[in-house]
Amino acid sequence: MQSPLSLSVDILPPHLRLGRDQELEVEVVKTEERQSYSVWAIPPDDVSCRIKKLMGGLRAEFGSPQIDPHIPLAGSLRLMREAALANRSDLCLRAFVAKVDSVVTRVSYYHPVALVFHLPEEVEMETGVDFNLWNPPLPQMSILYGHLTEEERKKAQEKVYILDEIITSLSFPVTHIALNQTNYKDKTLRSWEKIAEYRLHFNN
């Protein structure tokens, strides 16, 4: 029985026939797999520095992989890379202001301690239209990752206010968003990758 990757020389045109002791090699192309993508709102540099300092203080006591400060706007949905990177030269989403509402804790590796944000109502709809991602999470910025006990989560929440006592008064303009490939099975975050960044503009 012939290998599925070889062809009998008898069924080939004469100009393509090989010797009887030869086989025609057929290249096998691996089908591209769907990956998980998310859209993030990126804080300005000065705000990112402030939040990274807060994260560092929490990480020193409770441990956590390093996190790039961000607010997930949509995802995580599985798409082909080509679809995720479809032309988006004219985004519906405009620049907006994000305001911290509260500090919360959750029983979740990715959200044990997070800043909950108030965002304009149109952000969810416009992000969905732009990226065809219709799975908006609660607008929150995780500032610590890990499996924490209830006592540890409470202690970490209190530590937030020690490290930055006016964190709940924080507000900032969002003028950049990023499309990221995010494999949530990789809790080290090493495989997470930013594949595109977009600048937003305020309405005139």
C-alpha atoms as a PDB file:
ATOM      1  CA  MET A   1       0.000   0.000   0.000  1.00  0.00           C
ATOM      2  CA  GLN A   2       1.348   3.413  -0.985  1.00  0.00           C
ATOM      3  CA  SER A   3       2.075   6.137   1.509  1.00  0.00           C
ATOM      4  CA  PRO A   4      -0.613   8.858   1.449  1.00  0.00           C
ATOM      5  CA  LEU A   5       2.202  11.316   0.789  1.00  0.00           C
ATOM      6  CA  SER A   6       3.457   9.515  -2.349  1.00  0.00           C
ATOM      7  CA  LEU A   7       2.013   9.259  -5.832  1.00  0.00           C
ATOM      8  CA  SER A   8       2.468   6.413  -8.285  1.00  0.00           C
ATOM      9  CA  VAL A   9       4.597   7.463 -11.240  1.00  0.00           C
ATOM     10  CA  ASP A  10       2.071   5.793 -13.551  1.00  0.00           C
ATOM     11  CA  ILE A  11      -0.647   8.399 -12.911  1.00  0.00           C
ATOM     12  CA  LEU A  12       1.623  11.376 -13.606  1.00  0.00           C
ATOM     13  CA  PRO A  13       2.080  13.044 -16.994  1.00  0.00           C
ATOM     14  CA  PRO A  14       5.260  11.855 -18.779  1.00  0.00           C
ATOM     15  CA  HIS A  15       7.134  15.109 -18.152  1.00  0.00           C
ATOM     16  CA  LEU A  16       6.547  14.754 -14.397  1.00  0.00           C
ATOM     17  CA  ARG A  17       7.353  11.067 -14.063  1.00  0.00           C
ATOM     18  CA  LEU A  18      10.185  10.066 -11.769  1.00  0.00           C
ATOM     19  CA  GLY A  19      12.210   6.933 -11.741  1.00  0.00           C
ATOM     20  CA  ARG A  20      10.530   3.733 -10.538  1.00  0.00           C
ATOM     21  CA  ASP A  21      12.602   3.835  -7.383  1.00  0.00           C
ATOM     22  CA  GLN A  22      11.654   7.432  -6.586  1.00  0.00           C
ATOM     23  CA  GLU A  23       8.665   9.029  -4.933  1.00  0.00           C
ATOM     24  CA  LEU A  24       7.172  12.465  -5.398  1.00  0.00           C
ATOM     25  CA  GLU A  25       7.460  14.419  -2.164  1.00  0.00           C
ATOM     26  CA  VAL A  26       4.383  16.379  -1.178  1.00  0.00           C
ATOM     27  CA  GLU A  27       4.752  19.352   1.152  1.00  0.00           C
ATOM     28  CA  VAL A  28       2.331  19.262   4.056  1.00  0.00           C
ATOM     29  CA  VAL A  29       1.200  22.711   5.185  1.00  0.00           C
ATOM     30  CA  LYS A  30      -0.003  22.919   8.758  1.00  0.00           C
ATOM     31  CA  THR A  31      -3.367  24.572   9.094  1.00  0.00           C
ATOM     32  CA  GLU A  32      -3.223  27.760  11.145  1.00  0.00           C
ATOM     33  CA  GLU A  33      -4.924  27.400  14.487  1.00  0.00           C
ATOM     34  CA  ARG A  34      -7.271  29.873  16.079  1.00  0.00           C
ATOM     35  CA  GLN A  35      -5.769  31.874  18.923  1.00  0.00           C
ATOM     36  CA  SER A  36      -7.282  33.854  21.753  1.00  0.00           C
ATOM     37  CA  TYR A  37      -7.325  37.650  21.340  1.00  0.00           C
ATOM     38  CA  SER A  38      -8.261  40.553  23.598  1.00  0.00           C
ATOM     39  CA  VAL A  39      -8.458  44.321  23.204  1.00  0.00           C
ATOM     40  CA  TRP A  40      -6.831  46.394  25.958  1.00  0.00           C
ATOM     41  CA  ALA A  41      -7.050  50.049  26.887  1.00  0.00           C
ATOM     42  CA  ILE A  42      -3.528  51.293  27.636  1.00  0.00           C
ATOM     43  CA  PRO A  43      -2.958  54.009  30.287  1.00  0.00           C
ATOM     44  CA  PRO A  44      -0.609  56.950  29.594  1.00  0.00           C
ATOM     45  CA  ASP A  45       3.028  56.441  30.580  1.00  0.00           C
ATOM     46  CA  ASP A  46       2.833  58.436  33.813  1.00  0.00           C
ATOM     47  CA  VAL A  47      -0.237  56.497  34.956  1.00  0.00           C
ATOM     48  CA  SER A  48       1.385  53.179  34.010  1.00  0.00           C
ATOM     49  CA  CYS A  49       4.423  54.077  36.141  1.00  0.00           C
ATOM     50  CA  ARG A  50       2.191  54.844  39.113  1.00  0.00           C
ATOM     51  CA  ILE A  51       0.256  51.592  38.750  1.00  0.00           C
ATOM     52  CA  LYS A  52       3.423  49.540  38.214  1.00  0.00           C
ATOM     53  CA  LYS A  53       4.751  50.904  41.503  1.00  0.00           C
ATOM     54  CA  LEU A  54       1.534  49.767  43.181  1.00  0.00           C
ATOM     55  CA  MET A  55       1.780  46.356  41.516  1.00  0.00           C
ATOM     56  CA  GLY A  56       5.396  46.014  42.591  1.00  0.00           C
ATOM     57  CA  GLY A  57       4.486  46.589  46.224  1.00  0.00           C
ATOM     58  CA  LEU A  58       1.795  43.906  46.056  1.00  0.00           C
ATOM     59  CA  ARG A  59       4.019  41.490  44.146  1.00  0.00           C
ATOM     60  CA  ALA A  60       6.786  41.808  46.742  1.00  0.00           C
ATOM     61  CA  GLU A  61       4.438  40.490  49.432  1.00  0.00           C
ATOM     62  CA  PHE A  62       2.085  38.150  47.584  1.00  0.00           C
ATOM     63  CA  GLY A  63       4.002  37.120  44.462  1.00  0.00           C
ATOM     64  CA  SER A  64       2.708  37.491  40.907  1.00  0.00           C
ATOM     65  CA  PRO A  65       3.989  37.560  37.338  1.00  0.00           C
ATOM     66  CA  GLN A  66       4.690  41.073  36.092  1.00  0.00           C
ATOM     67  CA  ILE A  67       1.625  42.624  34.483  1.00  0.00           C
ATOM     68  CA  ASP A  68       1.465  45.414  31.942  1.00  0.00           C
ATOM     69  CA  PRO A  69      -1.227  47.810  33.232  1.00  0.00           C
ATOM     70  CA  HIS A  70      -4.328  47.548  31.048  1.00  0.00           C
ATOM     71  CA  ILE A  71      -8.118  47.518  31.061  1.00  0.00           C
ATOM     72  CA  PRO A  72      -9.596  44.689  28.959  1.00  0.00           C
ATOM     73  CA  LEU A  73     -12.286  46.112  26.682  1.00  0.00           C
ATOM     74  CA  ALA A  74     -13.205  42.965  24.753  1.00  0.00           C
ATOM     75  CA  GLY A  75     -12.249  39.299  24.643  1.00  0.00           C
ATOM     76  CA  SER A  76     -11.140  36.731  25.055  1.00  0.00           C
ATOM     77  CA  LEU A  77     -12.387  35.162  21.819  1.00  0.00           C
ATOM     78  CA  ARG A  78     -10.714  32.673  19.507  1.00  0.00           C
ATOM     79  CA  LEU A  79      -9.975  33.966  16.009  1.00  0.00           C
ATOM     80  CA  MET A  80      -7.654  33.336  13.107  1.00  0.00           C
ATOM     81  CA  ARG A  81      -4.765  35.821  13.180  1.00  0.00           C
ATOM     82  CA  GLU A  82      -5.778  37.220   9.793  1.00  0.00           C
ATOM     83  CA  ALA A  83      -9.263  37.993  11.077  1.00  0.00           C
ATOM     84  CA  ALA A  84      -7.880  39.567  14.240  1.00  0.00           C
ATOM     85  CA  LEU A  85      -5.638  41.838  12.173  1.00  0.00           C
ATOM     86  CA  ALA A  86      -8.271  42.845   9.614  1.00  0.00           C
ATOM     87  CA  ASN A  87      -7.883  46.413   8.332  1.00  0.00           C
ATOM     88  CA  ARG A  88      -9.026  48.912  10.953  1.00  0.00           C
ATOM     89  CA  SER A  89      -7.806  52.208   9.566  1.00  0.00           C
ATOM     90  CA  ASP A  90     -10.930  54.065  10.707  1.00  0.00           C
ATOM     91  CA  LEU A  91     -12.002  52.991  14.186  1.00  0.00           C
ATOM     92  CA  CYS A  92     -15.410  53.849  15.596  1.00  0.00           C
ATOM     93  CA  LEU A  93     -13.943  53.993  19.094  1.00  0.00           C
ATOM     94  CA  ARG A  94     -12.903  57.479  20.188  1.00  0.00           C
ATOM     95  CA  ALA A  95     -10.510  58.435  22.970  1.00  0.00           C
ATOM     96  CA  PHE A  96     -12.195  58.463  26.366  1.00  0.00           C
ATOM     97  CA  VAL A  97     -11.600  59.032  30.068  1.00  0.00           C
ATOM     98  CA  ALA A  98     -11.354  56.080  32.467  1.00  0.00           C
ATOM     99  CA  LYS A  99     -12.109  56.631  36.161  1.00  0.00           C
ATOM    100  CA  VAL A 100     -11.348  54.259  39.035  1.00  0.00           C
ATOM    101  CA  ASP A 101     -14.521  53.365  40.889  1.00  0.00           C
ATOM    102  CA  SER A 102     -13.347  50.892  43.542  1.00  0.00           C
ATOM    103  CA  VAL A 103     -10.840  48.223  44.555  1.00  0.00           C
ATOM    104  CA  VAL A 104     -12.323  44.720  44.557  1.00  0.00           C
ATOM    105  CA  THR A 105     -11.212  41.152  45.217  1.00  0.00           C
ATOM    106  CA  ARG A 106     -12.372  37.989  43.469  1.00  0.00           C
ATOM    107  CA  VAL A 107     -11.836  34.240  43.643  1.00  0.00           C
ATOM    108  CA  SER A 108      -9.900  34.146  40.377  1.00  0.00           C
ATOM    109  CA  TYR A 109      -6.252  33.681  39.425  1.00  0.00           C
ATOM    110  CA  TYR A 110      -6.438  36.635  37.038  1.00  0.00           C
ATOM    111  CA  HIS A 111      -8.556  38.935  39.212  1.00  0.00           C
ATOM    112  CA  PRO A 112      -7.714  38.423  42.898  1.00  0.00           C
ATOM    113  CA  VAL A 113      -7.279  42.187  43.331  1.00  0.00           C
ATOM    114  CA  ALA A 114      -8.423  44.674  40.726  1.00  0.00           C
ATOM    115  CA  LEU A 115      -9.349  48.288  40.114  1.00  0.00           C
ATOM    116  CA  VAL A 116     -12.899  48.585  38.776  1.00  0.00           C
ATOM    117  CA  PHE A 117     -13.363  51.402  36.266  1.00  0.00           C
ATOM    118  CA  HIS A 118     -16.226  53.536  35.110  1.00  0.00           C
ATOM    119  CA  LEU A 119     -16.111  53.899  31.321  1.00  0.00           C
ATOM    120  CA  PRO A 120     -18.409  55.764  28.935  1.00  0.00           C
ATOM    121  CA  GLU A 121     -21.322  53.597  27.786  1.00  0.00           C
ATOM    122  CA  GLU A 122     -20.357  53.780  24.114  1.00  0.00           C
ATOM    123  CA  VAL A 123     -16.949  52.145  24.664  1.00  0.00           C
ATOM    124  CA  GLU A 124     -18.396  48.622  24.807  1.00  0.00           C
ATOM    125  CA  MET A 125     -20.447  48.988  21.621  1.00  0.00           C
ATOM    126  CA  GLU A 126     -17.746  50.762  19.610  1.00  0.00           C
ATOM    127  CA  THR A 127     -15.076  48.235  20.605  1.00  0.00           C
ATOM    128  CA  GLY A 128     -17.367  45.415  19.518  1.00  0.00           C
ATOM    129  CA  VAL A 129     -18.001  47.040  16.146  1.00  0.00           C
ATOM    130  CA  ASP A 130     -14.308  47.727  15.533  1.00  0.00           C
ATOM    131  CA  PHE A 131     -12.959  44.300  16.461  1.00  0.00           C
ATOM    132  CA  ASN A 132     -15.977  42.000  16.168  1.00  0.00           C
ATOM    133  CA  LEU A 133     -15.339  40.929  19.750  1.00  0.00           C
ATOM    134  CA  TRP A 134     -18.604  40.774  21.634  1.00  0.00           C
ATOM    135  CA  ASN A 135     -17.552  39.374  24.966  1.00  0.00           C
ATOM    136  CA  PRO A 136     -16.936  42.478  27.082  1.00  0.00           C
ATOM    137  CA  PRO A 137     -15.708  41.766  30.605  1.00  0.00           C
ATOM    138  CA  LEU A 138     -16.275  43.979  33.620  1.00  0.00           C
ATOM    139  CA  PRO A 139     -14.027  47.021  33.035  1.00  0.00           C
ATOM    140  CA  GLN A 140     -11.323  46.307  35.566  1.00  0.00           C
ATOM    141  CA  MET A 141      -7.562  46.415  35.804  1.00  0.00           C
ATOM    142  CA  SER A 142      -6.013  43.475  37.604  1.00  0.00           C
ATOM    143  CA  ILE A 143      -3.100  44.633  39.732  1.00  0.00           C
ATOM    144  CA  LEU A 144      -2.164  41.188  41.044  1.00  0.00           C
ATOM    145  CA  TYR A 145      -2.390  37.632  39.681  1.00  0.00           C
ATOM    146  CA  GLY A 146      -2.362  34.500  41.793  1.00  0.00           C
ATOM    147  CA  HIS A 147      -4.306  31.941  43.792  1.00  0.00           C
ATOM    148  CA  LEU A 148      -4.877  33.849  47.029  1.00  0.00           C
ATOM    149  CA  THR A 149      -6.833  32.781  50.066  1.00  0.00           C
ATOM    150  CA  GLU A 150      -9.700  34.945  51.272  1.00  0.00           C
ATOM    151  CA  GLU A 151      -7.484  36.289  54.047  1.00  0.00           C
ATOM    152  CA  GLU A 152      -4.691  37.103  51.579  1.00  0.00           C
ATOM    153  CA  ARG A 153      -7.094  38.868  49.222  1.00  0.00           C
ATOM    154  CA  LYS A 154      -8.415  41.022  52.060  1.00  0.00           C
ATOM    155  CA  LYS A 155      -4.880  41.816  53.189  1.00  0.00           C
ATOM    156  CA  ALA A 156      -3.852  42.691  49.618  1.00  0.00           C
ATOM    157  CA  GLN A 157      -6.871  44.968  49.243  1.00  0.00           C
ATOM    158  CA  GLU A 158      -5.883  46.833  52.398  1.00  0.00           C
ATOM    159  CA  LYS A 159      -2.285  47.037  51.149  1.00  0.00           C
ATOM    160  CA  VAL A 160      -3.484  48.832  48.007  1.00  0.00           C
ATOM    161  CA  TYR A 161      -4.636  51.803  50.093  1.00  0.00           C
ATOM    162  CA  ILE A 162      -1.388  51.785  52.072  1.00  0.00           C
ATOM    163  CA  LEU A 163       0.659  51.926  48.874  1.00  0.00           C
ATOM    164  CA  ASP A 164      -1.574  54.488  47.138  1.00  0.00           C
ATOM    165  CA  GLU A 165      -4.200  55.972  49.447  1.00  0.00           C
ATOM    166  CA  ILE A 166      -5.861  58.075  46.736  1.00  0.00           C
ATOM    167  CA  ILE A 167      -5.983  55.382  44.046  1.00  0.00           C
ATOM    168  CA  THR A 168      -9.790  55.559  43.837  1.00  0.00           C
ATOM    169  CA  SER A 169      -9.558  59.193  42.728  1.00  0.00           C
ATOM    170  CA  LEU A 170      -7.479  58.229  39.698  1.00  0.00           C
ATOM    171  CA  SER A 171      -8.744  59.142  36.233  1.00  0.00           C
ATOM    172  CA  PHE A 172      -6.881  59.352  32.947  1.00  0.00           C
ATOM    173  CA  PRO A 173      -7.410  59.693  29.193  1.00  0.00           C
ATOM    174  CA  VAL A 174      -7.212  56.547  27.068  1.00  0.00           C
ATOM    175  CA  THR A 175      -5.689  57.403  23.693  1.00  0.00           C
ATOM    176  CA  HIS A 176      -4.174  54.015  22.839  1.00  0.00           C
ATOM    177  CA  ILE A 177      -5.614  50.523  22.632  1.00  0.00           C
ATOM    178  CA  ALA A 178      -3.807  47.284  21.817  1.00  0.00           C
ATOM    179  CA  LEU A 179      -4.802  43.971  20.280  1.00  0.00           C
ATOM    180  CA  ASN A 180      -3.149  41.142  22.165  1.00  0.00           C
ATOM    181  CA  GLN A 181      -2.808  37.414  21.723  1.00  0.00           C
ATOM    182  CA  THR A 182      -3.549  36.078  25.196  1.00  0.00           C
ATOM    183  CA  ASN A 183      -3.242  32.413  26.070  1.00  0.00           C
ATOM    184  CA  TYR A 184      -4.890  32.225  29.477  1.00  0.00           C
ATOM    185  CA  LYS A 185      -3.550  28.712  29.999  1.00  0.00           C
ATOM    186  CA  ASP A 186      -0.096  30.292  30.245  1.00  0.00           C
ATOM    187  CA  LYS A 187      -0.135  31.766  33.722  1.00  0.00           C
ATOM    188  CA  THR A 188       3.464  32.957  33.366  1.00  0.00           C
ATOM    189  CA  LEU A 189       2.256  35.394  30.640  1.00  0.00           C
ATOM    190  CA  ARG A 190       5.439  34.672  28.640  1.00  0.00           C
ATOM    191  CA  SER A 191       3.521  33.726  25.498  1.00  0.00           C
ATOM    192  CA  TRP A 192       1.251  36.782  25.640  1.00  0.00           C
ATOM    193  CA  GLU A 193       1.971  39.086  22.732  1.00  0.00           C
ATOM    194  CA  LYS A 194       0.881  42.527  21.566  1.00  0.00           C
ATOM    195  CA  ILE A 195       0.277  42.235  17.832  1.00  0.00           C
ATOM    196  CA  ALA A 196      -1.128  45.675  17.035  1.00  0.00           C
ATOM    197  CA  GLU A 197      -1.611  49.089  18.646  1.00  0.00           C
ATOM    198  CA  TYR A 198      -4.050  51.808  17.639  1.00  0.00           C
ATOM    199  CA  ARG A 199      -4.176  55.504  18.472  1.00  0.00           C
ATOM    200  CA  LEU A 200      -7.533  56.989  19.455  1.00  0.00           C
ATOM    201  CA  HIS A 201      -8.628  60.593  19.008  1.00  0.00           C
ATOM    202  CA  PHE A 202     -11.113  62.656  20.963  1.00  0.00           C
ATOM    203  CA  ASN A 203     -14.167  63.926  19.130  1.00  0.00           C
ATOM    204  CA  ASN A 204     -13.732  67.519  17.995  1.00  0.00           C
END
